[in-house]
């Protein structure tokens, strides 16, 4: 949630948030996070927002949050893949 909040606050300058997300993605490898987990978290996030905001969570707002999470998870997944590749190369 903190990462998403930071993304929302940085919508006009995503370039400054990408390094933070890349670092998080690389760290998540050590925690055992797999790519499929990001989809589960995204679905849970959207469901939580929907339940919390009810009718205020319009299709347009859902699409915007989905896109924001897609950006966050995409950057983190790419960084995780690079971290895994580096680990395998070092072995």
C-alpha atoms as a PDB file:
ATOM      1  CA  UNK A   1       0.000   0.000   0.000  1.00  0.00           C
ATOM      2  CA  UNK A   2       2.833   2.372   0.786  1.00  0.00           C
ATOM      3  CA  UNK A   3       4.301   1.812  -2.680  1.00  0.00           C
ATOM      4  CA  UNK A   4       0.927   2.462  -4.300  1.00  0.00           C
ATOM      5  CA  UNK A   5       0.476   5.610  -2.247  1.00  0.00           C
ATOM      6  CA  UNK A   6       3.881   6.778  -3.387  1.00  0.00           C
ATOM      7  CA  UNK A   7       2.968   6.031  -7.010  1.00  0.00           C
ATOM      8  CA  UNK A   8      -0.264   8.011  -6.701  1.00  0.00           C
ATOM      9  CA  UNK A   9       1.637  10.914  -5.168  1.00  0.00           C
ATOM     10  CA  UNK A  10       4.232  10.693  -7.949  1.00  0.00           C
ATOM     11  CA  UNK A  11       1.954  10.330 -10.965  1.00  0.00           C
ATOM     12  CA  UNK A  12       3.500  13.318 -12.670  1.00  0.00           C
ATOM     13  CA  UNK A  13       7.041  12.024 -12.183  1.00  0.00           C
ATOM     14  CA  UNK A  14       7.066   8.219 -12.259  1.00  0.00           C
ATOM     15  CA  UNK A  15      10.779   8.261 -13.068  1.00  0.00           C
ATOM     16  CA  UNK A  16      11.631   9.026  -9.472  1.00  0.00           C
ATOM     17  CA  UNK A  17       9.576   6.118  -8.098  1.00  0.00           C
ATOM     18  CA  UNK A  18      10.898   3.422 -10.453  1.00  0.00           C
ATOM     19  CA  UNK A  19      14.186   2.891  -8.549  1.00  0.00           C
ATOM     20  CA  UNK A  20      12.233   2.431  -5.300  1.00  0.00           C
ATOM     21  CA  UNK A  21       9.946  -0.128  -6.939  1.00  0.00           C
ATOM     22  CA  UNK A  22      12.896  -1.932  -8.516  1.00  0.00           C
ATOM     23  CA  UNK A  23      14.541  -2.228  -5.126  1.00  0.00           C
ATOM     24  CA  UNK A  24      11.333  -3.601  -3.622  1.00  0.00           C
ATOM     25  CA  UNK A  25      10.963  -6.107  -6.445  1.00  0.00           C
ATOM     26  CA  UNK A  26      14.512  -7.377  -5.982  1.00  0.00           C
ATOM     27  CA  UNK A  27      14.008  -7.674  -2.220  1.00  0.00           C
ATOM     28  CA  UNK A  28      10.796  -9.617  -2.712  1.00  0.00           C
ATOM     29  CA  UNK A  29      12.768 -12.407  -4.404  1.00  0.00           C
ATOM     30  CA  UNK A  30      14.502 -13.117  -1.091  1.00  0.00           C
ATOM     31  CA  UNK A  31      11.087 -13.289   0.602  1.00  0.00           C
ATOM     32  CA  UNK A  32       9.968 -16.032  -1.766  1.00  0.00           C
ATOM     33  CA  UNK A  33       7.500 -13.873  -3.691  1.00  0.00           C
ATOM     34  CA  UNK A  34       6.648 -15.373  -7.064  1.00  0.00           C
ATOM     35  CA  UNK A  35       5.243 -13.636 -10.107  1.00  0.00           C
ATOM     36  CA  UNK A  36       1.793 -15.191  -9.624  1.00  0.00           C
ATOM     37  CA  UNK A  37       1.565 -13.589  -6.181  1.00  0.00           C
ATOM     38  CA  UNK A  38       1.392 -10.137  -7.745  1.00  0.00           C
ATOM     39  CA  UNK A  39      -1.845 -11.016  -9.534  1.00  0.00           C
ATOM     40  CA  UNK A  40      -3.368 -12.288  -6.288  1.00  0.00           C
ATOM     41  CA  UNK A  41      -2.342  -9.125  -4.442  1.00  0.00           C
ATOM     42  CA  UNK A  42      -3.732  -6.945  -7.229  1.00  0.00           C
ATOM     43  CA  UNK A  43      -7.080  -8.721  -7.142  1.00  0.00           C
ATOM     44  CA  UNK A  44      -7.187  -8.422  -3.341  1.00  0.00           C
ATOM     45  CA  UNK A  45      -6.349  -4.722  -3.556  1.00  0.00           C
ATOM     46  CA  UNK A  46      -9.145  -4.016  -6.023  1.00  0.00           C
ATOM     47  CA  UNK A  47     -11.626  -6.041  -3.971  1.00  0.00           C
ATOM     48  CA  UNK A  48     -10.613  -4.216  -0.788  1.00  0.00           C
ATOM     49  CA  UNK A  49     -10.983  -0.829  -2.450  1.00  0.00           C
ATOM     50  CA  UNK A  50     -14.346  -1.866  -3.868  1.00  0.00           C
ATOM     51  CA  UNK A  51     -15.624  -2.989  -0.475  1.00  0.00           C
ATOM     52  CA  UNK A  52     -14.237   0.100   1.265  1.00  0.00           C
ATOM     53  CA  UNK A  53     -15.577   2.694  -1.152  1.00  0.00           C
ATOM     54  CA  UNK A  54     -18.751   0.991  -2.348  1.00  0.00           C
ATOM     55  CA  UNK A  55     -20.549   2.949  -5.069  1.00  0.00           C
ATOM     56  CA  UNK A  56     -17.785   5.561  -5.077  1.00  0.00           C
ATOM     57  CA  UNK A  57     -15.463   2.943  -6.555  1.00  0.00           C
ATOM     58  CA  UNK A  58     -16.646   3.525 -10.110  1.00  0.00           C
ATOM     59  CA  UNK A  59     -15.492   1.545 -13.139  1.00  0.00           C
ATOM     60  CA  UNK A  60     -13.253   4.487 -14.077  1.00  0.00           C
ATOM     61  CA  UNK A  61     -11.626   4.558 -10.649  1.00  0.00           C
ATOM     62  CA  UNK A  62     -11.243   0.767 -10.717  1.00  0.00           C
ATOM     63  CA  UNK A  63      -9.507   1.044 -14.096  1.00  0.00           C
ATOM     64  CA  UNK A  64      -7.177   3.766 -12.798  1.00  0.00           C
ATOM     65  CA  UNK A  65      -6.206   1.717  -9.716  1.00  0.00           C
ATOM     66  CA  UNK A  66      -5.774  -1.363 -11.861  1.00  0.00           C
ATOM     67  CA  UNK A  67      -3.463   0.545 -14.190  1.00  0.00           C
ATOM     68  CA  UNK A  68      -1.492   1.971 -11.250  1.00  0.00           C
ATOM     69  CA  UNK A  69      -1.071  -1.472  -9.715  1.00  0.00           C
ATOM     70  CA  UNK A  70      -0.145  -2.870 -13.134  1.00  0.00           C
ATOM     71  CA  UNK A  71       2.634  -0.295 -13.383  1.00  0.00           C
ATOM     72  CA  UNK A  72       3.886  -1.010  -9.867  1.00  0.00           C
ATOM     73  CA  UNK A  73       3.781  -4.782 -10.233  1.00  0.00           C
ATOM     74  CA  UNK A  74       5.286  -4.697 -13.725  1.00  0.00           C
ATOM     75  CA  UNK A  75       8.331  -2.737 -12.559  1.00  0.00           C
ATOM     76  CA  UNK A  76       8.716  -4.966  -9.509  1.00  0.00           C
ATOM     77  CA  UNK A  77       8.375  -8.188 -11.527  1.00  0.00           C
ATOM     78  CA  UNK A  78      10.960  -7.021 -14.065  1.00  0.00           C
ATOM     79  CA  UNK A  79      13.376  -6.170 -11.241  1.00  0.00           C
ATOM     80  CA  UNK A  80      12.710  -9.551  -9.615  1.00  0.00           C
ATOM     81  CA  UNK A  81      13.547 -11.320 -12.878  1.00  0.00           C
ATOM     82  CA  UNK A  82      16.805  -9.386 -13.155  1.00  0.00           C
ATOM     83  CA  UNK A  83      17.679 -10.200  -9.531  1.00  0.00           C
ATOM     84  CA  UNK A  84      16.977 -13.890 -10.124  1.00  0.00           C
ATOM     85  CA  UNK A  85      19.081 -13.875 -13.286  1.00  0.00           C
ATOM     86  CA  UNK A  86      21.955 -12.264 -11.378  1.00  0.00           C
ATOM     87  CA  UNK A  87      21.680 -14.877  -8.637  1.00  0.00           C
ATOM     88  CA  UNK A  88      21.763 -17.711 -11.160  1.00  0.00           C
ATOM     89  CA  UNK A  89      24.722 -16.177 -12.980  1.00  0.00           C
ATOM     90  CA  UNK A  90      26.638 -15.910  -9.718  1.00  0.00           C
ATOM     91  CA  UNK A  91      26.092 -19.595  -8.959  1.00  0.00           C
END
